[in-house]
C-alpha cells in the first residue's frame, strides 16, 4: 500500500480563481480532506480573512494544519449552517468550496474498505464513529433495497441479479469482507467491464453508508443562507448523480431543477451561473493525477438583490 500521498486536490488553480478570493473575506472549505484546497485558500488571505473547513473524518481533522486564519470543524458539511451560526457567520460568507471526491487515503487504506483492490472489512464509513458500515448494508438490507441502491446510486444495469446473489450468499454465511463480496458478484458482472462495474457497486454502497446525496442536498440548500450577496459557490463533482444535483441547484436554486420565473419571464433563481459548462481537468493535470479525470467543477454566485 502506498500511503505517502494523502490526497492531491483536483482543479486547484481553477477552484481558487473561481472563488474570486477577497483577502479579508470569510471562506468555507466544506470538504477539508488532505487540506490542499484549504491551504491554497489560506495563502490568499490577509490577517483579516478567515477559513472554516469541515471534515467528518477524524484522521483528516487530526492532520489539519495550524494557522490563525484557519479553523477546522469536525463535522459533516450537512451541518454547515449550524456551525457557521455558532461562529457568528450567517449570510456574510464570501465563498464556499466543496470537493466531493474521496481522498486518496480512503481508497488506498485497506482498513477503510473503500476499494475493491484490497482485502479487508466492508467498512466505507467516512465518519468512523458512525454505526452503519457497508457490511451492515450488505447483510441487513432486503433484496429490493440492495437492488435499488445498486441501480440508483451505482447506475448498475444488472442490479437485481447482484442483489439476489448477495442475499443467496449471506443466507449461508454473512458477507463481511471485500474478498467475500467480490467472490459473490464477480461471476455475475461483465468480465470485459469488470473494473467499471465493481466500481459502480462500491460507489453505490459508499453513497448509502455515508448518506452522501442527502448530505449534499442539505449542504446546497444551506449555502444560499450562508453566502453573502455576490458570494461564490464552487463545487467539484465526480459522478453524474452529484453533478446533476449541483447543476440543477445552481441553475434554478432547487434540487429538482424547476425553473421559476417572474411576471416578465425572468429567472428567479437566487444564484447566477458563472460557468455555463463544467470546468474539467486538462490533459496535463490528468496525466499528473489520473484520479482527477472525472472531476467537474461548477461555479455560481449569489444574486445581489436590489
C-alpha atoms as a PDB file:
ATOM      1  CA  UNK A   1       0.000   0.000   0.000  1.00  0.00           C
ATOM      2  CA  UNK A   2       1.257   3.447  -0.914  1.00  0.00           C
ATOM      3  CA  UNK A   3       0.207   5.812   1.836  1.00  0.00           C
ATOM      4  CA  UNK A   4       2.701   8.585   1.155  1.00  0.00           C
ATOM      5  CA  UNK A   5       0.186  10.859  -0.562  1.00  0.00           C
ATOM      6  CA  UNK A   6      -2.952  11.594   1.471  1.00  0.00           C
ATOM      7  CA  UNK A   7      -4.665  13.396  -1.380  1.00  0.00           C
ATOM      8  CA  UNK A   8      -3.968  15.521  -4.457  1.00  0.00           C
ATOM      9  CA  UNK A   9      -6.663  18.189  -4.916  1.00  0.00           C
ATOM     10  CA  UNK A  10      -8.281  18.366  -8.332  1.00  0.00           C
ATOM     11  CA  UNK A  11      -8.681  21.606 -10.282  1.00  0.00           C
ATOM     12  CA  UNK A  12      -6.823  23.571  -7.597  1.00  0.00           C
ATOM     13  CA  UNK A  13      -5.916  26.744  -9.559  1.00  0.00           C
ATOM     14  CA  UNK A  14      -9.369  26.832 -11.150  1.00  0.00           C
ATOM     15  CA  UNK A  15     -11.070  26.497  -7.766  1.00  0.00           C
ATOM     16  CA  UNK A  16      -9.066  29.360  -6.274  1.00  0.00           C
ATOM     17  CA  UNK A  17      -9.813  31.519  -9.300  1.00  0.00           C
ATOM     18  CA  UNK A  18     -13.489  30.540  -9.123  1.00  0.00           C
ATOM     19  CA  UNK A  19     -13.767  31.674  -5.510  1.00  0.00           C
ATOM     20  CA  UNK A  20     -12.530  35.149  -6.521  1.00  0.00           C
ATOM     21  CA  UNK A  21     -10.902  35.486  -3.116  1.00  0.00           C
ATOM     22  CA  UNK A  22     -11.137  38.712  -1.141  1.00  0.00           C
ATOM     23  CA  UNK A  23      -8.038  38.619   1.126  1.00  0.00           C
ATOM     24  CA  UNK A  24     -10.037  39.892   4.107  1.00  0.00           C
ATOM     25  CA  UNK A  25     -13.078  37.693   3.394  1.00  0.00           C
ATOM     26  CA  UNK A  26     -14.673  34.728   5.156  1.00  0.00           C
ATOM     27  CA  UNK A  27     -14.492  31.370   3.355  1.00  0.00           C
ATOM     28  CA  UNK A  28     -15.589  27.769   3.831  1.00  0.00           C
ATOM     29  CA  UNK A  29     -13.940  24.606   2.553  1.00  0.00           C
ATOM     30  CA  UNK A  30     -16.751  22.120   3.115  1.00  0.00           C
ATOM     31  CA  UNK A  31     -14.521  19.092   2.475  1.00  0.00           C
ATOM     32  CA  UNK A  32     -11.076  19.509   4.055  1.00  0.00           C
ATOM     33  CA  UNK A  33      -9.699  16.073   3.083  1.00  0.00           C
ATOM     34  CA  UNK A  34      -5.952  16.351   2.642  1.00  0.00           C
ATOM     35  CA  UNK A  35      -6.057  20.129   3.058  1.00  0.00           C
ATOM     36  CA  UNK A  36      -4.840  21.027  -0.424  1.00  0.00           C
ATOM     37  CA  UNK A  37      -7.652  23.407  -1.270  1.00  0.00           C
ATOM     38  CA  UNK A  38      -7.754  24.801   2.269  1.00  0.00           C
ATOM     39  CA  UNK A  39      -4.048  25.555   2.279  1.00  0.00           C
ATOM     40  CA  UNK A  40      -4.318  27.397  -1.030  1.00  0.00           C
ATOM     41  CA  UNK A  41      -7.253  29.479   0.216  1.00  0.00           C
ATOM     42  CA  UNK A  42      -5.439  30.482   3.414  1.00  0.00           C
ATOM     43  CA  UNK A  43      -2.369  31.506   1.424  1.00  0.00           C
ATOM     44  CA  UNK A  44      -4.579  34.002  -0.388  1.00  0.00           C
ATOM     45  CA  UNK A  45      -5.962  35.535   2.818  1.00  0.00           C
ATOM     46  CA  UNK A  46      -4.696  38.511   4.795  1.00  0.00           C
ATOM     47  CA  UNK A  47      -4.687  38.537   8.602  1.00  0.00           C
ATOM     48  CA  UNK A  48      -8.270  39.845   8.465  1.00  0.00           C
ATOM     49  CA  UNK A  49      -9.516  36.893   6.404  1.00  0.00           C
ATOM     50  CA  UNK A  50     -10.570  33.508   7.772  1.00  0.00           C
ATOM     51  CA  UNK A  51     -11.262  29.996   6.501  1.00  0.00           C
ATOM     52  CA  UNK A  52     -13.535  27.412   8.164  1.00  0.00           C
ATOM     53  CA  UNK A  53     -13.003  23.863   6.913  1.00  0.00           C
ATOM     54  CA  UNK A  54     -15.242  20.863   7.578  1.00  0.00           C
ATOM     55  CA  UNK A  55     -14.466  17.153   7.684  1.00  0.00           C
ATOM     56  CA  UNK A  56     -16.239  14.239   9.349  1.00  0.00           C
ATOM     57  CA  UNK A  57     -13.156  12.000   9.262  1.00  0.00           C
ATOM     58  CA  UNK A  58     -11.138  12.299  12.464  1.00  0.00           C
ATOM     59  CA  UNK A  59      -7.957  11.269  10.625  1.00  0.00           C
ATOM     60  CA  UNK A  60      -8.274  14.277   8.309  1.00  0.00           C
ATOM     61  CA  UNK A  61      -9.051  16.600  11.227  1.00  0.00           C
ATOM     62  CA  UNK A  62      -6.016  15.412  13.180  1.00  0.00           C
ATOM     63  CA  UNK A  63      -3.799  16.096  10.153  1.00  0.00           C
ATOM     64  CA  UNK A  64      -5.068  19.670   9.740  1.00  0.00           C
ATOM     65  CA  UNK A  65      -2.523  22.479   9.697  1.00  0.00           C
ATOM     66  CA  UNK A  66      -2.414  25.279  12.247  1.00  0.00           C
ATOM     67  CA  UNK A  67      -2.918  28.916  11.277  1.00  0.00           C
ATOM     68  CA  UNK A  68      -4.553  31.908  12.969  1.00  0.00           C
ATOM     69  CA  UNK A  69      -6.630  32.425   9.830  1.00  0.00           C
ATOM     70  CA  UNK A  70      -7.948  28.859   9.882  1.00  0.00           C
ATOM     71  CA  UNK A  71     -10.480  26.820  11.882  1.00  0.00           C
ATOM     72  CA  UNK A  72     -11.056  23.094  11.372  1.00  0.00           C
ATOM     73  CA  UNK A  73     -14.558  21.829  12.178  1.00  0.00           C
ATOM     74  CA  UNK A  74     -15.020  18.133  12.958  1.00  0.00           C
ATOM     75  CA  UNK A  75     -18.396  17.646  11.296  1.00  0.00           C
ATOM     76  CA  UNK A  76     -20.214  16.643   8.131  1.00  0.00           C
ATOM     77  CA  UNK A  77     -20.868  19.636   5.881  1.00  0.00           C
ATOM     78  CA  UNK A  78     -24.603  18.937   6.132  1.00  0.00           C
ATOM     79  CA  UNK A  79     -24.424  20.844   9.448  1.00  0.00           C
ATOM     80  CA  UNK A  80     -22.587  23.818   7.929  1.00  0.00           C
ATOM     81  CA  UNK A  81     -25.191  26.482   8.729  1.00  0.00           C
ATOM     82  CA  UNK A  82     -25.421  25.456  12.396  1.00  0.00           C
ATOM     83  CA  UNK A  83     -21.673  25.687  12.895  1.00  0.00           C
ATOM     84  CA  UNK A  84     -21.361  28.920  10.976  1.00  0.00           C
ATOM     85  CA  UNK A  85     -24.139  30.406  13.122  1.00  0.00           C
ATOM     86  CA  UNK A  86     -22.127  29.322  16.173  1.00  0.00           C
ATOM     87  CA  UNK A  87     -19.053  31.101  14.799  1.00  0.00           C
ATOM     88  CA  UNK A  88     -21.104  34.216  14.098  1.00  0.00           C
ATOM     89  CA  UNK A  89     -21.329  33.963  10.324  1.00  0.00           C
ATOM     90  CA  UNK A  90     -24.769  33.808   8.727  1.00  0.00           C
ATOM     91  CA  UNK A  91     -25.200  35.424   5.354  1.00  0.00           C
ATOM     92  CA  UNK A  92     -21.775  37.051   5.337  1.00  0.00           C
ATOM     93  CA  UNK A  93     -19.535  34.352   3.839  1.00  0.00           C
ATOM     94  CA  UNK A  94     -17.614  35.353   0.698  1.00  0.00           C
ATOM     95  CA  UNK A  95     -17.139  31.906  -0.776  1.00  0.00           C
ATOM     96  CA  UNK A  96     -17.822  28.198  -0.271  1.00  0.00           C
ATOM     97  CA  UNK A  97     -15.867  25.361  -1.864  1.00  0.00           C
ATOM     98  CA  UNK A  98     -16.835  21.681  -1.829  1.00  0.00           C
ATOM     99  CA  UNK A  99     -14.710  18.966  -3.447  1.00  0.00           C
ATOM    100  CA  UNK A 100     -16.929  15.883  -3.305  1.00  0.00           C
ATOM    101  CA  UNK A 101     -14.203  13.415  -4.223  1.00  0.00           C
ATOM    102  CA  UNK A 102     -12.998  10.650  -1.908  1.00  0.00           C
ATOM    103  CA  UNK A 103      -9.475  11.221  -0.603  1.00  0.00           C
ATOM    104  CA  UNK A 104      -6.695   9.028  -1.988  1.00  0.00           C
ATOM    105  CA  UNK A 105      -6.080   7.975   1.615  1.00  0.00           C
ATOM    106  CA  UNK A 106      -9.509   6.363   1.819  1.00  0.00           C
ATOM    107  CA  UNK A 107      -9.078   4.403  -1.407  1.00  0.00           C
ATOM    108  CA  UNK A 108      -5.520   3.393  -0.580  1.00  0.00           C
ATOM    109  CA  UNK A 109      -6.080   2.249   3.023  1.00  0.00           C
ATOM    110  CA  UNK A 110      -7.289  -1.385   3.092  1.00  0.00           C
ATOM    111  CA  UNK A 111      -8.635  -0.922   6.623  1.00  0.00           C
ATOM    112  CA  UNK A 112     -11.189   1.621   5.408  1.00  0.00           C
ATOM    113  CA  UNK A 113     -12.773  -0.764   2.884  1.00  0.00           C
ATOM    114  CA  UNK A 114     -13.423   1.779   0.124  1.00  0.00           C
ATOM    115  CA  UNK A 115     -11.675  -0.051  -2.714  1.00  0.00           C
ATOM    116  CA  UNK A 116     -12.085  -3.477  -4.314  1.00  0.00           C
ATOM    117  CA  UNK A 117      -8.307  -3.531  -4.868  1.00  0.00           C
ATOM    118  CA  UNK A 118      -7.608  -4.603  -1.281  1.00  0.00           C
ATOM    119  CA  UNK A 119      -8.594  -7.312   1.149  1.00  0.00           C
ATOM    120  CA  UNK A 120     -10.301  -6.182   4.326  1.00  0.00           C
ATOM    121  CA  UNK A 121     -13.582  -5.469   6.065  1.00  0.00           C
ATOM    122  CA  UNK A 122     -16.535  -3.926   4.263  1.00  0.00           C
ATOM    123  CA  UNK A 123     -16.491  -0.577   6.031  1.00  0.00           C
ATOM    124  CA  UNK A 124     -16.653   2.561   3.817  1.00  0.00           C
ATOM    125  CA  UNK A 125     -17.542   4.942   6.666  1.00  0.00           C
ATOM    126  CA  UNK A 126     -16.259   8.483   6.247  1.00  0.00           C
ATOM    127  CA  UNK A 127     -17.125   9.070   9.887  1.00  0.00           C
ATOM    128  CA  UNK A 128     -15.599   6.122  11.708  1.00  0.00           C
ATOM    129  CA  UNK A 129     -17.896   6.712  14.688  1.00  0.00           C
ATOM    130  CA  UNK A 130     -20.991   6.072  12.571  1.00  0.00           C
ATOM    131  CA  UNK A 131     -22.960   2.879  13.259  1.00  0.00           C
ATOM    132  CA  UNK A 132     -23.780   1.928   9.668  1.00  0.00           C
ATOM    133  CA  UNK A 133     -20.993   0.381   7.607  1.00  0.00           C
ATOM    134  CA  UNK A 134     -21.010  -1.426   4.251  1.00  0.00           C
ATOM    135  CA  UNK A 135     -21.221  -4.855   5.880  1.00  0.00           C
ATOM    136  CA  UNK A 136     -24.405  -3.895   7.726  1.00  0.00           C
ATOM    137  CA  UNK A 137     -25.935  -2.700   4.442  1.00  0.00           C
ATOM    138  CA  UNK A 138     -24.937  -5.834   2.526  1.00  0.00           C
ATOM    139  CA  UNK A 139     -26.207  -8.160   5.250  1.00  0.00           C
ATOM    140  CA  UNK A 140     -29.140  -6.200   6.620  1.00  0.00           C
ATOM    141  CA  UNK A 141     -30.940  -4.681   3.643  1.00  0.00           C
ATOM    142  CA  UNK A 142     -33.660  -6.533   1.751  1.00  0.00           C
ATOM    143  CA  UNK A 143     -33.039  -7.770  -1.766  1.00  0.00           C
ATOM    144  CA  UNK A 144     -35.208  -4.960  -3.131  1.00  0.00           C
ATOM    145  CA  UNK A 145     -33.354  -2.314  -1.108  1.00  0.00           C
ATOM    146  CA  UNK A 146     -29.992  -3.580  -2.333  1.00  0.00           C
ATOM    147  CA  UNK A 147     -31.228  -3.676  -5.922  1.00  0.00           C
ATOM    148  CA  UNK A 148     -32.459  -0.084  -5.672  1.00  0.00           C
ATOM    149  CA  UNK A 149     -29.146   1.099  -4.210  1.00  0.00           C
ATOM    150  CA  UNK A 150     -27.086  -0.532  -6.952  1.00  0.00           C
ATOM    151  CA  UNK A 151     -29.395   0.833  -9.655  1.00  0.00           C
ATOM    152  CA  UNK A 152     -29.931   4.357  -8.330  1.00  0.00           C
ATOM    153  CA  UNK A 153     -26.529   5.061  -6.769  1.00  0.00           C
ATOM    154  CA  UNK A 154     -24.314   2.830  -8.927  1.00  0.00           C
ATOM    155  CA  UNK A 155     -26.317   3.012 -12.151  1.00  0.00           C
ATOM    156  CA  UNK A 156     -25.674  -0.730 -12.437  1.00  0.00           C
ATOM    157  CA  UNK A 157     -27.772  -2.448 -15.121  1.00  0.00           C
ATOM    158  CA  UNK A 158     -27.807  -5.909 -13.525  1.00  0.00           C
ATOM    159  CA  UNK A 159     -28.601  -4.547 -10.072  1.00  0.00           C
ATOM    160  CA  UNK A 160     -31.298  -7.166  -9.427  1.00  0.00           C
ATOM    161  CA  UNK A 161     -29.006 -10.089 -10.234  1.00  0.00           C
ATOM    162  CA  UNK A 162     -26.262  -8.711  -7.979  1.00  0.00           C
ATOM    163  CA  UNK A 163     -28.700  -8.128  -5.115  1.00  0.00           C
ATOM    164  CA  UNK A 164     -30.162 -11.616  -5.476  1.00  0.00           C
ATOM    165  CA  UNK A 165     -26.706 -13.198  -5.440  1.00  0.00           C
ATOM    166  CA  UNK A 166     -25.737 -11.300  -2.284  1.00  0.00           C
ATOM    167  CA  UNK A 167     -28.905 -12.365  -0.459  1.00  0.00           C
ATOM    168  CA  UNK A 168     -28.380 -16.002  -1.507  1.00  0.00           C
ATOM    169  CA  UNK A 169     -24.750 -15.940  -0.314  1.00  0.00           C
ATOM    170  CA  UNK A 170     -25.462 -14.246   3.019  1.00  0.00           C
ATOM    171  CA  UNK A 171     -28.130 -16.847   3.826  1.00  0.00           C
ATOM    172  CA  UNK A 172     -25.261 -19.326   4.005  1.00  0.00           C
ATOM    173  CA  UNK A 173     -22.685 -17.046   5.624  1.00  0.00           C
ATOM    174  CA  UNK A 174     -22.572 -13.264   6.323  1.00  0.00           C
ATOM    175  CA  UNK A 175     -20.727 -11.278   3.635  1.00  0.00           C
ATOM    176  CA  UNK A 176     -18.405  -9.176   5.795  1.00  0.00           C
ATOM    177  CA  UNK A 177     -15.210  -8.704   3.794  1.00  0.00           C
ATOM    178  CA  UNK A 178     -14.230  -7.235   0.440  1.00  0.00           C
ATOM    179  CA  UNK A 179     -12.987 -10.595  -0.830  1.00  0.00           C
ATOM    180  CA  UNK A 180     -16.274 -12.277   0.141  1.00  0.00           C
ATOM    181  CA  UNK A 181     -18.286  -9.653  -1.744  1.00  0.00           C
ATOM    182  CA  UNK A 182     -16.044  -9.963  -4.809  1.00  0.00           C
ATOM    183  CA  UNK A 183     -16.491 -13.747  -4.802  1.00  0.00           C
ATOM    184  CA  UNK A 184     -20.264 -13.230  -4.899  1.00  0.00           C
ATOM    185  CA  UNK A 185     -20.522 -10.526  -7.559  1.00  0.00           C
ATOM    186  CA  UNK A 186     -17.686 -11.313  -9.974  1.00  0.00           C
ATOM    187  CA  UNK A 187     -19.437 -14.318 -11.581  1.00  0.00           C
ATOM    188  CA  UNK A 188     -22.392 -12.067 -12.437  1.00  0.00           C
ATOM    189  CA  UNK A 189     -20.815  -8.911 -13.812  1.00  0.00           C
ATOM    190  CA  UNK A 190     -19.451  -8.393 -17.312  1.00  0.00           C
ATOM    191  CA  UNK A 191     -15.840  -9.621 -17.469  1.00  0.00           C
ATOM    192  CA  UNK A 192     -14.992  -7.023 -20.124  1.00  0.00           C
ATOM    193  CA  UNK A 193     -16.231  -4.230 -17.830  1.00  0.00           C
ATOM    194  CA  UNK A 194     -15.191  -5.756 -14.510  1.00  0.00           C
ATOM    195  CA  UNK A 195     -13.404  -2.729 -13.053  1.00  0.00           C
ATOM    196  CA  UNK A 196     -16.178  -0.351 -14.094  1.00  0.00           C
ATOM    197  CA  UNK A 197     -18.972  -2.484 -12.663  1.00  0.00           C
ATOM    198  CA  UNK A 198     -17.117  -3.240  -9.436  1.00  0.00           C
ATOM    199  CA  UNK A 199     -16.558   0.498  -9.073  1.00  0.00           C
ATOM    200  CA  UNK A 200     -20.295   1.057  -9.562  1.00  0.00           C
ATOM    201  CA  UNK A 201     -21.145  -1.475  -6.834  1.00  0.00           C
ATOM    202  CA  UNK A 202     -18.661   0.028  -4.383  1.00  0.00           C
ATOM    203  CA  UNK A 203     -19.777   3.576  -5.218  1.00  0.00           C
ATOM    204  CA  UNK A 204     -23.394   2.633  -4.522  1.00  0.00           C
ATOM    205  CA  UNK A 205     -22.528   1.116  -1.146  1.00  0.00           C
ATOM    206  CA  UNK A 206     -20.362   4.114  -0.189  1.00  0.00           C
ATOM    207  CA  UNK A 207     -23.107   6.596  -1.058  1.00  0.00           C
ATOM    208  CA  UNK A 208     -25.634   4.632   1.002  1.00  0.00           C
ATOM    209  CA  UNK A 209     -23.338   4.151   4.009  1.00  0.00           C
ATOM    210  CA  UNK A 210     -22.498   7.850   4.197  1.00  0.00           C
ATOM    211  CA  UNK A 211     -25.900   9.175   3.045  1.00  0.00           C
ATOM    212  CA  UNK A 212     -23.934  11.298   0.596  1.00  0.00           C
ATOM    213  CA  UNK A 213     -26.685  12.587  -1.665  1.00  0.00           C
ATOM    214  CA  UNK A 214     -28.919  13.676   1.224  1.00  0.00           C
ATOM    215  CA  UNK A 215     -25.957  15.444   2.813  1.00  0.00           C
ATOM    216  CA  UNK A 216     -25.197  17.182  -0.496  1.00  0.00           C
ATOM    217  CA  UNK A 217     -28.798  18.359  -0.868  1.00  0.00           C
ATOM    218  CA  UNK A 218     -28.783  19.769   2.673  1.00  0.00           C
ATOM    219  CA  UNK A 219     -25.430  21.464   2.110  1.00  0.00           C
ATOM    220  CA  UNK A 220     -26.547  23.088  -1.133  1.00  0.00           C
ATOM    221  CA  UNK A 221     -29.715  24.422   0.465  1.00  0.00           C
ATOM    222  CA  UNK A 222     -27.747  25.911   3.346  1.00  0.00           C
ATOM    223  CA  UNK A 223     -25.234  27.570   1.036  1.00  0.00           C
ATOM    224  CA  UNK A 224     -27.749  30.230  -0.012  1.00  0.00           C
ATOM    225  CA  UNK A 225     -28.363  31.257   3.618  1.00  0.00           C
ATOM    226  CA  UNK A 226     -24.645  31.205   4.390  1.00  0.00           C
ATOM    227  CA  UNK A 227     -23.263  33.222   1.466  1.00  0.00           C
ATOM    228  CA  UNK A 228     -23.383  36.997   1.218  1.00  0.00           C
ATOM    229  CA  UNK A 229     -24.808  38.634  -1.936  1.00  0.00           C
ATOM    230  CA  UNK A 230     -22.138  38.225  -4.617  1.00  0.00           C
ATOM    231  CA  UNK A 231     -20.557  35.309  -2.721  1.00  0.00           C
ATOM    232  CA  UNK A 232     -19.290  32.371  -4.755  1.00  0.00           C
ATOM    233  CA  UNK A 233     -20.264  28.680  -4.559  1.00  0.00           C
ATOM    234  CA  UNK A 234     -17.725  26.327  -6.143  1.00  0.00           C
ATOM    235  CA  UNK A 235     -18.466  22.585  -6.263  1.00  0.00           C
ATOM    236  CA  UNK A 236     -16.362  19.781  -7.737  1.00  0.00           C
ATOM    237  CA  UNK A 237     -18.218  16.537  -8.502  1.00  0.00           C
ATOM    238  CA  UNK A 238     -17.029  13.128  -9.682  1.00  0.00           C
ATOM    239  CA  UNK A 239     -20.102  11.274 -10.905  1.00  0.00           C
ATOM    240  CA  UNK A 240     -23.323  12.086 -12.719  1.00  0.00           C
ATOM    241  CA  UNK A 241     -25.600  11.805  -9.668  1.00  0.00           C
ATOM    242  CA  UNK A 242     -23.748  14.573  -7.820  1.00  0.00           C
ATOM    243  CA  UNK A 243     -23.243  16.693 -10.913  1.00  0.00           C
ATOM    244  CA  UNK A 244     -26.946  16.590 -11.795  1.00  0.00           C
ATOM    245  CA  UNK A 245     -27.920  17.838  -8.326  1.00  0.00           C
ATOM    246  CA  UNK A 246     -25.340  20.632  -8.388  1.00  0.00           C
ATOM    247  CA  UNK A 247     -26.236  21.656 -11.941  1.00  0.00           C
ATOM    248  CA  UNK A 248     -29.954  21.826 -11.120  1.00  0.00           C
ATOM    249  CA  UNK A 249     -29.356  23.749  -7.924  1.00  0.00           C
ATOM    250  CA  UNK A 250     -27.045  26.324  -9.429  1.00  0.00           C
ATOM    251  CA  UNK A 251     -29.362  26.860 -12.379  1.00  0.00           C
ATOM    252  CA  UNK A 252     -32.666  27.107 -10.507  1.00  0.00           C
ATOM    253  CA  UNK A 253     -31.985  27.315  -6.786  1.00  0.00           C
ATOM    254  CA  UNK A 254     -33.604  23.930  -6.134  1.00  0.00           C
ATOM    255  CA  UNK A 255     -32.564  20.287  -6.394  1.00  0.00           C
ATOM    256  CA  UNK A 256     -35.331  19.335  -8.807  1.00  0.00           C
ATOM    257  CA  UNK A 257     -34.230  21.900 -11.385  1.00  0.00           C
ATOM    258  CA  UNK A 258     -37.649  23.556 -11.549  1.00  0.00           C
ATOM    259  CA  UNK A 259     -37.312  26.982 -13.141  1.00  0.00           C
ATOM    260  CA  UNK A 260     -39.377  29.745 -11.532  1.00  0.00           C
ATOM    261  CA  UNK A 261     -39.892  32.990 -13.431  1.00  0.00           C
ATOM    262  CA  UNK A 262     -41.396  36.359 -12.563  1.00  0.00           C
ATOM    263  CA  UNK A 263     -44.139  38.226 -14.430  1.00  0.00           C
ATOM    264  CA  UNK A 264     -41.611  39.405 -17.021  1.00  0.00           C
ATOM    265  CA  UNK A 265     -40.219  35.923 -17.654  1.00  0.00           C
ATOM    266  CA  UNK A 266     -37.003  36.482 -15.725  1.00  0.00           C
ATOM    267  CA  UNK A 267     -35.418  33.541 -13.897  1.00  0.00           C
ATOM    268  CA  UNK A 268     -35.988  33.868 -10.141  1.00  0.00           C
ATOM    269  CA  UNK A 269     -33.074  31.633  -9.151  1.00  0.00           C
ATOM    270  CA  UNK A 270     -31.111  33.041  -6.183  1.00  0.00           C
ATOM    271  CA  UNK A 271     -27.911  32.039  -7.980  1.00  0.00           C
ATOM    272  CA  UNK A 272     -26.243  33.291 -11.130  1.00  0.00           C
ATOM    273  CA  UNK A 273     -24.191  30.810 -13.132  1.00  0.00           C
ATOM    274  CA  UNK A 274     -20.569  31.834 -13.606  1.00  0.00           C
ATOM    275  CA  UNK A 275     -19.821  28.759 -15.722  1.00  0.00           C
ATOM    276  CA  UNK A 276     -22.397  27.630 -18.290  1.00  0.00           C
ATOM    277  CA  UNK A 277     -20.468  24.391 -18.753  1.00  0.00           C
ATOM    278  CA  UNK A 278     -18.436  22.483 -16.153  1.00  0.00           C
ATOM    279  CA  UNK A 279     -14.701  23.103 -15.891  1.00  0.00           C
ATOM    280  CA  UNK A 280     -12.721  19.881 -16.309  1.00  0.00           C
ATOM    281  CA  UNK A 281      -9.040  18.975 -15.872  1.00  0.00           C
ATOM    282  CA  UNK A 282      -6.750  19.422 -18.854  1.00  0.00           C
ATOM    283  CA  UNK A 283      -4.576  16.631 -20.229  1.00  0.00           C
ATOM    284  CA  UNK A 284      -1.579  17.768 -18.198  1.00  0.00           C
ATOM    285  CA  UNK A 285      -3.464  17.502 -14.901  1.00  0.00           C
ATOM    286  CA  UNK A 286      -4.965  14.120 -15.818  1.00  0.00           C
ATOM    287  CA  UNK A 287      -1.505  12.793 -16.661  1.00  0.00           C
ATOM    288  CA  UNK A 288      -0.130  14.021 -13.329  1.00  0.00           C
ATOM    289  CA  UNK A 289      -3.218  12.951 -11.366  1.00  0.00           C
ATOM    290  CA  UNK A 290      -5.267  10.272 -13.210  1.00  0.00           C
ATOM    291  CA  UNK A 291      -7.882  10.270 -10.452  1.00  0.00           C
ATOM    292  CA  UNK A 292      -8.880  13.795 -11.441  1.00  0.00           C
ATOM    293  CA  UNK A 293     -10.159  12.505 -14.803  1.00  0.00           C
ATOM    294  CA  UNK A 294     -13.853  12.514 -13.820  1.00  0.00           C
ATOM    295  CA  UNK A 295     -13.786  15.843 -11.932  1.00  0.00           C
ATOM    296  CA  UNK A 296     -16.265  18.545 -12.977  1.00  0.00           C
ATOM    297  CA  UNK A 297     -16.338  21.969 -11.385  1.00  0.00           C
ATOM    298  CA  UNK A 298     -19.329  24.312 -11.452  1.00  0.00           C
ATOM    299  CA  UNK A 299     -19.407  27.877 -10.141  1.00  0.00           C
ATOM    300  CA  UNK A 300     -22.311  30.107  -9.195  1.00  0.00           C
ATOM    301  CA  UNK A 301     -22.727  33.445  -7.422  1.00  0.00           C
ATOM    302  CA  UNK A 302     -25.452  34.516  -5.019  1.00  0.00           C
ATOM    303  CA  UNK A 303     -27.568  37.130  -6.742  1.00  0.00           C
ATOM    304  CA  UNK A 304     -27.385  40.664  -5.392  1.00  0.00           C
ATOM    305  CA  UNK A 305     -30.995  41.738  -4.863  1.00  0.00           C
ATOM    306  CA  UNK A 306     -31.980  45.340  -5.466  1.00  0.00           C
END
